[in-house]
Amino acid sequence: MADTLPLFKEKDVACYHWGLVQGKTQTWLPWPDIAHHPENTGLWFHDVLMADGRPYHEEEMALVQTLSKG
């Protein structure tokens, strides 16, 4: 997100994250077919917050806060 959020801000493009808090919808888990492609070992997607309310990535939340100002 560090490469896309600043671009969205610069171009005045609205966006949203489809997984807010880890919960029963399990949107942070990879789809079954992702595991069948060995080149796809990196992070595909994640929810913004963990189930206990902590951010998944502190740096990402700092970026969101910075971009949300003004």
PDB file of N, CA and C in Angstrom:
ATOM      1  N   MET A   1       0.804  -1.179   0.000  1.00  0.00           N
ATOM      2  CA  MET A   1       0.000   0.000   0.000  1.00  0.00           C
ATOM      3  C   MET A   1       0.859   1.260   0.000  1.00  0.00           C
ATOM      4  N   ALA A   2       2.089   1.131   0.421  1.00  0.00           N
ATOM      5  CA  ALA A   2       2.963   2.302   0.490  1.00  0.00           C
ATOM      6  C   ALA A   2       3.209   2.896  -0.884  1.00  0.00           C
ATOM      7  N   ASP A   3       3.087   2.105  -1.929  1.00  0.00           N
ATOM      8  CA  ASP A   3       3.310   2.639  -3.269  1.00  0.00           C
ATOM      9  C   ASP A   3       2.016   3.116  -3.929  1.00  0.00           C
ATOM     10  N   THR A   4       0.867   2.606  -3.499  1.00  0.00           N
ATOM     11  CA  THR A   4      -0.387   2.987  -4.142  1.00  0.00           C
ATOM     12  C   THR A   4      -1.129   4.111  -3.423  1.00  0.00           C
ATOM     13  N   LEU A   5      -1.131   4.131  -2.108  1.00  0.00           N
ATOM     14  CA  LEU A   5      -1.884   5.162  -1.386  1.00  0.00           C
ATOM     15  C   LEU A   5      -1.421   6.585  -1.708  1.00  0.00           C
ATOM     16  N   PRO A   6      -0.123   6.861  -1.749  1.00  0.00           N
ATOM     17  CA  PRO A   6       0.296   8.219  -2.132  1.00  0.00           C
ATOM     18  C   PRO A   6      -0.147   8.597  -3.549  1.00  0.00           C
ATOM     19  N   LEU A   7      -0.148   7.630  -4.457  1.00  0.00           N
ATOM     20  CA  LEU A   7      -0.606   7.885  -5.824  1.00  0.00           C
ATOM     21  C   LEU A   7      -2.092   8.217  -5.837  1.00  0.00           C
ATOM     22  N   PHE A   8      -2.892   7.449  -5.098  1.00  0.00           N
ATOM     23  CA  PHE A   8      -4.322   7.739  -5.002  1.00  0.00           C
ATOM     24  C   PHE A   8      -4.552   9.148  -4.465  1.00  0.00           C
ATOM     25  N   LYS A   9      -3.804   9.518  -3.441  1.00  0.00           N
ATOM     26  CA  LYS A   9      -3.923  10.851  -2.844  1.00  0.00           C
ATOM     27  C   LYS A   9      -3.558  11.929  -3.874  1.00  0.00           C
ATOM     28  N   GLU A  10      -2.461  11.714  -4.563  1.00  0.00           N
ATOM     29  CA  GLU A  10      -1.996  12.691  -5.562  1.00  0.00           C
ATOM     30  C   GLU A  10      -3.026  12.892  -6.672  1.00  0.00           C
ATOM     31  N   LYS A  11      -3.644  11.807  -7.112  1.00  0.00           N
ATOM     32  CA  LYS A  11      -4.600  11.871  -8.224  1.00  0.00           C
ATOM     33  C   LYS A  11      -6.036  12.103  -7.755  1.00  0.00           C
ATOM     34  N   ASP A  12      -6.228  12.267  -6.428  1.00  0.00           N
ATOM     35  CA  ASP A  12      -7.546  12.493  -5.841  1.00  0.00           C
ATOM     36  C   ASP A  12      -8.514  11.359  -6.179  1.00  0.00           C
ATOM     37  N   VAL A  13      -8.026  10.141  -5.994  1.00  0.00           N
ATOM     38  CA  VAL A  13      -8.816   8.945  -6.260  1.00  0.00           C
ATOM     39  C   VAL A  13      -9.226   8.317  -4.929  1.00  0.00           C
ATOM     40  N   ALA A  14     -10.511   8.093  -4.764  1.00  0.00           N
ATOM     41  CA  ALA A  14     -11.004   7.438  -3.553  1.00  0.00           C
ATOM     42  C   ALA A  14     -10.746   5.937  -3.642  1.00  0.00           C
ATOM     43  N   CYS A  15     -10.492   5.334  -2.508  1.00  0.00           N
ATOM     44  CA  CYS A  15     -10.292   3.898  -2.463  1.00  0.00           C
ATOM     45  C   CYS A  15     -10.718   3.387  -1.094  1.00  0.00           C
ATOM     46  N   TYR A  16     -10.861   2.101  -0.963  1.00  0.00           N
ATOM     47  CA  TYR A  16     -11.203   1.501   0.320  1.00  0.00           C
ATOM     48  C   TYR A  16     -10.552   0.138   0.438  1.00  0.00           C
ATOM     49  N   HIS A  17     -10.497  -0.360   1.632  1.00  0.00           N
ATOM     50  CA  HIS A  17      -9.912  -1.662   1.911  1.00  0.00           C
ATOM     51  C   HIS A  17     -11.056  -2.606   2.257  1.00  0.00           C
ATOM     52  N   TRP A  18     -11.157  -3.710   1.588  1.00  0.00           N
ATOM     53  CA  TRP A  18     -12.319  -4.583   1.760  1.00  0.00           C
ATOM     54  C   TRP A  18     -12.269  -5.411   3.033  1.00  0.00           C
ATOM     55  N   GLY A  19     -11.163  -5.508   3.702  1.00  0.00           N
ATOM     56  CA  GLY A  19     -11.071  -6.217   4.971  1.00  0.00           C
ATOM     57  C   GLY A  19     -10.627  -5.264   6.056  1.00  0.00           C
ATOM     58  N   LEU A  20     -11.519  -4.896   6.947  1.00  0.00           N
ATOM     59  CA  LEU A  20     -11.150  -3.929   7.974  1.00  0.00           C
ATOM     60  C   LEU A  20     -10.560  -4.617   9.202  1.00  0.00           C
ATOM     61  N   VAL A  21     -11.310  -5.519   9.837  1.00  0.00           N
ATOM     62  CA  VAL A  21     -10.858  -6.190  11.058  1.00  0.00           C
ATOM     63  C   VAL A  21     -10.914  -7.690  10.845  1.00  0.00           C
ATOM     64  N   GLN A  22      -9.839  -8.390  11.226  1.00  0.00           N
ATOM     65  CA  GLN A  22      -9.844  -9.848  11.119  1.00  0.00           C
ATOM     66  C   GLN A  22     -11.007 -10.405  11.919  1.00  0.00           C
ATOM     67  N   GLY A  23     -11.817 -11.212  11.268  1.00  0.00           N
ATOM     68  CA  GLY A  23     -12.984 -11.787  11.935  1.00  0.00           C
ATOM     69  C   GLY A  23     -13.458 -13.027  11.222  1.00  0.00           C
ATOM     70  N   LYS A  24     -14.737 -13.309  11.366  1.00  0.00           N
ATOM     71  CA  LYS A  24     -15.242 -14.572  10.849  1.00  0.00           C
ATOM     72  C   LYS A  24     -15.304 -14.640   9.325  1.00  0.00           C
ATOM     73  N   THR A  25     -15.227 -13.506   8.631  1.00  0.00           N
ATOM     74  CA  THR A  25     -15.204 -13.579   7.168  1.00  0.00           C
ATOM     75  C   THR A  25     -13.859 -14.054   6.633  1.00  0.00           C
ATOM     76  N   GLN A  26     -12.833 -14.001   7.449  1.00  0.00           N
ATOM     77  CA  GLN A  26     -11.490 -14.512   7.137  1.00  0.00           C
ATOM     78  C   GLN A  26     -10.921 -13.948   5.840  1.00  0.00           C
ATOM     79  N   THR A  27     -11.080 -12.646   5.649  1.00  0.00           N
ATOM     80  CA  THR A  27     -10.601 -12.022   4.420  1.00  0.00           C
ATOM     81  C   THR A  27      -9.086 -11.913   4.345  1.00  0.00           C
ATOM     82  N   TRP A  28      -8.395 -12.217   5.436  1.00  0.00           N
ATOM     83  CA  TRP A  28      -6.926 -12.150   5.415  1.00  0.00           C
ATOM     84  C   TRP A  28      -6.303 -13.456   4.944  1.00  0.00           C
ATOM     85  N   LEU A  29      -7.088 -14.516   4.846  1.00  0.00           N
ATOM     86  CA  LEU A  29      -6.553 -15.811   4.423  1.00  0.00           C
ATOM     87  C   LEU A  29      -6.481 -15.882   2.903  1.00  0.00           C
ATOM     88  N   PRO A  30      -5.401 -16.452   2.356  1.00  0.00           N
ATOM     89  CA  PRO A  30      -5.291 -16.540   0.891  1.00  0.00           C
ATOM     90  C   PRO A  30      -6.312 -17.515   0.315  1.00  0.00           C
ATOM     91  N   TRP A  31      -6.721 -17.243  -0.904  1.00  0.00           N
ATOM     92  CA  TRP A  31      -7.626 -18.150  -1.594  1.00  0.00           C
ATOM     93  C   TRP A  31      -6.894 -19.459  -1.849  1.00  0.00           C
ATOM     94  N   PRO A  32      -7.608 -20.570  -1.886  1.00  0.00           N
ATOM     95  CA  PRO A  32      -6.958 -21.884  -2.029  1.00  0.00           C
ATOM     96  C   PRO A  32      -6.055 -22.013  -3.246  1.00  0.00           C
ATOM     97  N   ASP A  33      -6.409 -21.412  -4.363  1.00  0.00           N
ATOM     98  CA  ASP A  33      -5.580 -21.595  -5.562  1.00  0.00           C
ATOM     99  C   ASP A  33      -4.274 -20.812  -5.522  1.00  0.00           C
ATOM    100  N   ILE A  34      -4.135 -19.857  -4.620  1.00  0.00           N
ATOM    101  CA  ILE A  34      -2.879 -19.112  -4.508  1.00  0.00           C
ATOM    102  C   ILE A  34      -1.744 -20.052  -4.095  1.00  0.00           C
ATOM    103  N   ALA A  35      -2.039 -20.990  -3.227  1.00  0.00           N
ATOM    104  CA  ALA A  35      -1.015 -21.926  -2.743  1.00  0.00           C
ATOM    105  C   ALA A  35      -0.476 -22.826  -3.851  1.00  0.00           C
ATOM    106  N   HIS A  36      -1.190 -22.975  -4.942  1.00  0.00           N
ATOM    107  CA  HIS A  36      -0.763 -23.841  -6.043  1.00  0.00           C
ATOM    108  C   HIS A  36       0.249 -23.174  -6.978  1.00  0.00           C
ATOM    109  N   HIS A  37       0.567 -21.925  -6.713  1.00  0.00           N
ATOM    110  CA  HIS A  37       1.508 -21.191  -7.543  1.00  0.00           C
ATOM    111  C   HIS A  37       2.719 -20.817  -6.693  1.00  0.00           C
ATOM    112  N   PRO A  38       3.820 -21.555  -6.802  1.00  0.00           N
ATOM    113  CA  PRO A  38       4.987 -21.326  -5.940  1.00  0.00           C
ATOM    114  C   PRO A  38       5.572 -19.913  -6.038  1.00  0.00           C
ATOM    115  N   GLU A  39       5.362 -19.220  -7.145  1.00  0.00           N
ATOM    116  CA  GLU A  39       5.901 -17.870  -7.278  1.00  0.00           C
ATOM    117  C   GLU A  39       5.104 -16.864  -6.446  1.00  0.00           C
ATOM    118  N   ASN A  40       3.984 -17.278  -5.911  1.00  0.00           N
ATOM    119  CA  ASN A  40       3.112 -16.401  -5.134  1.00  0.00           C
ATOM    120  C   ASN A  40       3.305 -16.608  -3.633  1.00  0.00           C
ATOM    121  N   THR A  41       4.521 -16.435  -3.168  1.00  0.00           N
ATOM    122  CA  THR A  41       4.799 -16.689  -1.757  1.00  0.00           C
ATOM    123  C   THR A  41       4.715 -15.448  -0.881  1.00  0.00           C
ATOM    124  N   GLY A  42       4.601 -14.274  -1.475  1.00  0.00           N
ATOM    125  CA  GLY A  42       4.551 -13.034  -0.704  1.00  0.00           C
ATOM    126  C   GLY A  42       3.166 -12.758  -0.136  1.00  0.00           C
ATOM    127  N   LEU A  43       3.052 -11.648   0.535  1.00  0.00           N
ATOM    128  CA  LEU A  43       1.787 -11.225   1.109  1.00  0.00           C
ATOM    129  C   LEU A  43       0.837 -10.786  -0.003  1.00  0.00           C
ATOM    130  N   TRP A  44      -0.340 -11.381  -0.040  1.00  0.00           N
ATOM    131  CA  TRP A  44      -1.325 -11.042  -1.064  1.00  0.00           C
ATOM    132  C   TRP A  44      -2.275  -9.962  -0.585  1.00  0.00           C
ATOM    133  N   PHE A  45      -2.792 -10.119   0.599  1.00  0.00           N
ATOM    134  CA  PHE A  45      -3.719  -9.148   1.153  1.00  0.00           C
ATOM    135  C   PHE A  45      -3.802  -9.354   2.644  1.00  0.00           C
ATOM    136  N   HIS A  46      -4.329  -8.369   3.324  1.00  0.00           N
ATOM    137  CA  HIS A  46      -4.476  -8.468   4.770  1.00  0.00           C
ATOM    138  C   HIS A  46      -5.569  -7.513   5.214  1.00  0.00           C
ATOM    139  N   ASP A  47      -6.109  -7.749   6.388  1.00  0.00           N
ATOM    140  CA  ASP A  47      -7.063  -6.811   6.961  1.00  0.00           C
ATOM    141  C   ASP A  47      -6.283  -5.665   7.585  1.00  0.00           C
ATOM    142  N   VAL A  48      -6.933  -4.528   7.747  1.00  0.00           N
ATOM    143  CA  VAL A  48      -6.261  -3.352   8.299  1.00  0.00           C
ATOM    144  C   VAL A  48      -5.919  -3.562   9.768  1.00  0.00           C
ATOM    145  N   LEU A  49      -6.861  -4.128  10.519  1.00  0.00           N
ATOM    146  CA  LEU A  49      -6.673  -4.334  11.953  1.00  0.00           C
ATOM    147  C   LEU A  49      -6.749  -5.820  12.292  1.00  0.00           C
ATOM    148  N   MET A  50      -5.987  -6.221  13.282  1.00  0.00           N
ATOM    149  CA  MET A  50      -6.078  -7.581  13.794  1.00  0.00           C
ATOM    150  C   MET A  50      -7.299  -7.666  14.708  1.00  0.00           C
ATOM    151  N   ALA A  51      -7.688  -8.861  15.080  1.00  0.00           N
ATOM    152  CA  ALA A  51      -8.900  -9.077  15.870  1.00  0.00           C
ATOM    153  C   ALA A  51      -8.893  -8.298  17.191  1.00  0.00           C
ATOM    154  N   ASP A  52      -7.716  -8.065  17.754  1.00  0.00           N
ATOM    155  CA  ASP A  52      -7.638  -7.346  19.033  1.00  0.00           C
ATOM    156  C   ASP A  52      -7.572  -5.826  18.844  1.00  0.00           C
ATOM    157  N   GLY A  53      -7.674  -5.341  17.598  1.00  0.00           N
ATOM    158  CA  GLY A  53      -7.695  -3.917  17.332  1.00  0.00           C
ATOM    159  C   GLY A  53      -6.355  -3.301  16.977  1.00  0.00           C
ATOM    160  N   ARG A  54      -5.278  -4.067  17.102  1.00  0.00           N
ATOM    161  CA  ARG A  54      -3.953  -3.543  16.727  1.00  0.00           C
ATOM    162  C   ARG A  54      -3.836  -3.491  15.203  1.00  0.00           C
ATOM    163  N   PRO A  55      -3.117  -2.503  14.671  1.00  0.00           N
ATOM    164  CA  PRO A  55      -2.906  -2.450  13.218  1.00  0.00           C
ATOM    165  C   PRO A  55      -2.083  -3.649  12.752  1.00  0.00           C
ATOM    166  N   TYR A  56      -2.383  -4.127  11.560  1.00  0.00           N
ATOM    167  CA  TYR A  56      -1.598  -5.205  10.971  1.00  0.00           C
ATOM    168  C   TYR A  56      -0.174  -4.723  10.722  1.00  0.00           C
ATOM    169  N   HIS A  57      -0.031  -3.497  10.196  1.00  0.00           N
ATOM    170  CA  HIS A  57       1.278  -2.869   9.965  1.00  0.00           C
ATOM    171  C   HIS A  57       1.260  -1.474  10.577  1.00  0.00           C
ATOM    172  N   GLU A  58       2.106  -1.239  11.557  1.00  0.00           N
ATOM    173  CA  GLU A  58       2.194   0.091  12.179  1.00  0.00           C
ATOM    174  C   GLU A  58       2.581   1.148  11.148  1.00  0.00           C
ATOM    175  N   GLU A  59       3.542   0.838  10.273  1.00  0.00           N
ATOM    176  CA  GLU A  59       4.001   1.798   9.279  1.00  0.00           C
ATOM    177  C   GLU A  59       2.882   2.168   8.313  1.00  0.00           C
ATOM    178  N   GLU A  60       2.076   1.171   7.960  1.00  0.00           N
ATOM    179  CA  GLU A  60       0.964   1.425   7.052  1.00  0.00           C
ATOM    180  C   GLU A  60      -0.063   2.359   7.693  1.00  0.00           C
ATOM    181  N   MET A  61      -0.341   2.169   8.965  1.00  0.00           N
ATOM    182  CA  MET A  61      -1.286   3.046   9.662  1.00  0.00           C
ATOM    183  C   MET A  61      -0.737   4.461   9.775  1.00  0.00           C
ATOM    184  N   ALA A  62       0.563   4.588   9.980  1.00  0.00           N
ATOM    185  CA  ALA A  62       1.188   5.913  10.026  1.00  0.00           C
ATOM    186  C   ALA A  62       1.045   6.602   8.671  1.00  0.00           C
ATOM    187  N   LEU A  63       1.209   5.847   7.587  1.00  0.00           N
ATOM    188  CA  LEU A  63       1.047   6.401   6.246  1.00  0.00           C
ATOM    189  C   LEU A  63      -0.402   6.846   6.023  1.00  0.00           C
ATOM    190  N   VAL A  64      -1.353   6.030   6.412  1.00  0.00           N
ATOM    191  CA  VAL A  64      -2.769   6.385   6.270  1.00  0.00           C
ATOM    192  C   VAL A  64      -3.074   7.652   7.045  1.00  0.00           C
ATOM    193  N   GLN A  65      -2.564   7.751   8.263  1.00  0.00           N
ATOM    194  CA  GLN A  65      -2.798   8.959   9.055  1.00  0.00           C
ATOM    195  C   GLN A  65      -2.182  10.182   8.401  1.00  0.00           C
ATOM    196  N   THR A  66      -0.982  10.049   7.874  1.00  0.00           N
ATOM    197  CA  THR A  66      -0.311  11.165   7.195  1.00  0.00           C
ATOM    198  C   THR A  66      -1.097  11.609   5.963  1.00  0.00           C
ATOM    199  N   LEU A  67      -1.533  10.649   5.167  1.00  0.00           N
ATOM    200  CA  LEU A  67      -2.251  10.980   3.935  1.00  0.00           C
ATOM    201  C   LEU A  67      -3.660  11.495   4.213  1.00  0.00           C
ATOM    202  N   SER A  68      -4.210  11.171   5.365  1.00  0.00           N
ATOM    203  CA  SER A  68      -5.572  11.593   5.709  1.00  0.00           C
ATOM    204  C   SER A  68      -5.644  13.032   6.207  1.00  0.00           C
ATOM    205  N   LYS A  69      -4.519  13.586   6.560  1.00  0.00           N
ATOM    206  CA  LYS A  69      -4.495  14.968   7.061  1.00  0.00           C
ATOM    207  C   LYS A  69      -4.619  15.947   5.896  1.00  0.00           C
ATOM    208  N   GLY A  70      -5.424  16.949   6.118  1.00  0.00           N
ATOM    209  CA  GLY A  70      -5.532  18.032   5.153  1.00  0.00           C
ATOM    210  C   GLY A  70      -6.147  17.672   3.922  1.00  0.00           C
TER     211      GLY A  70
END
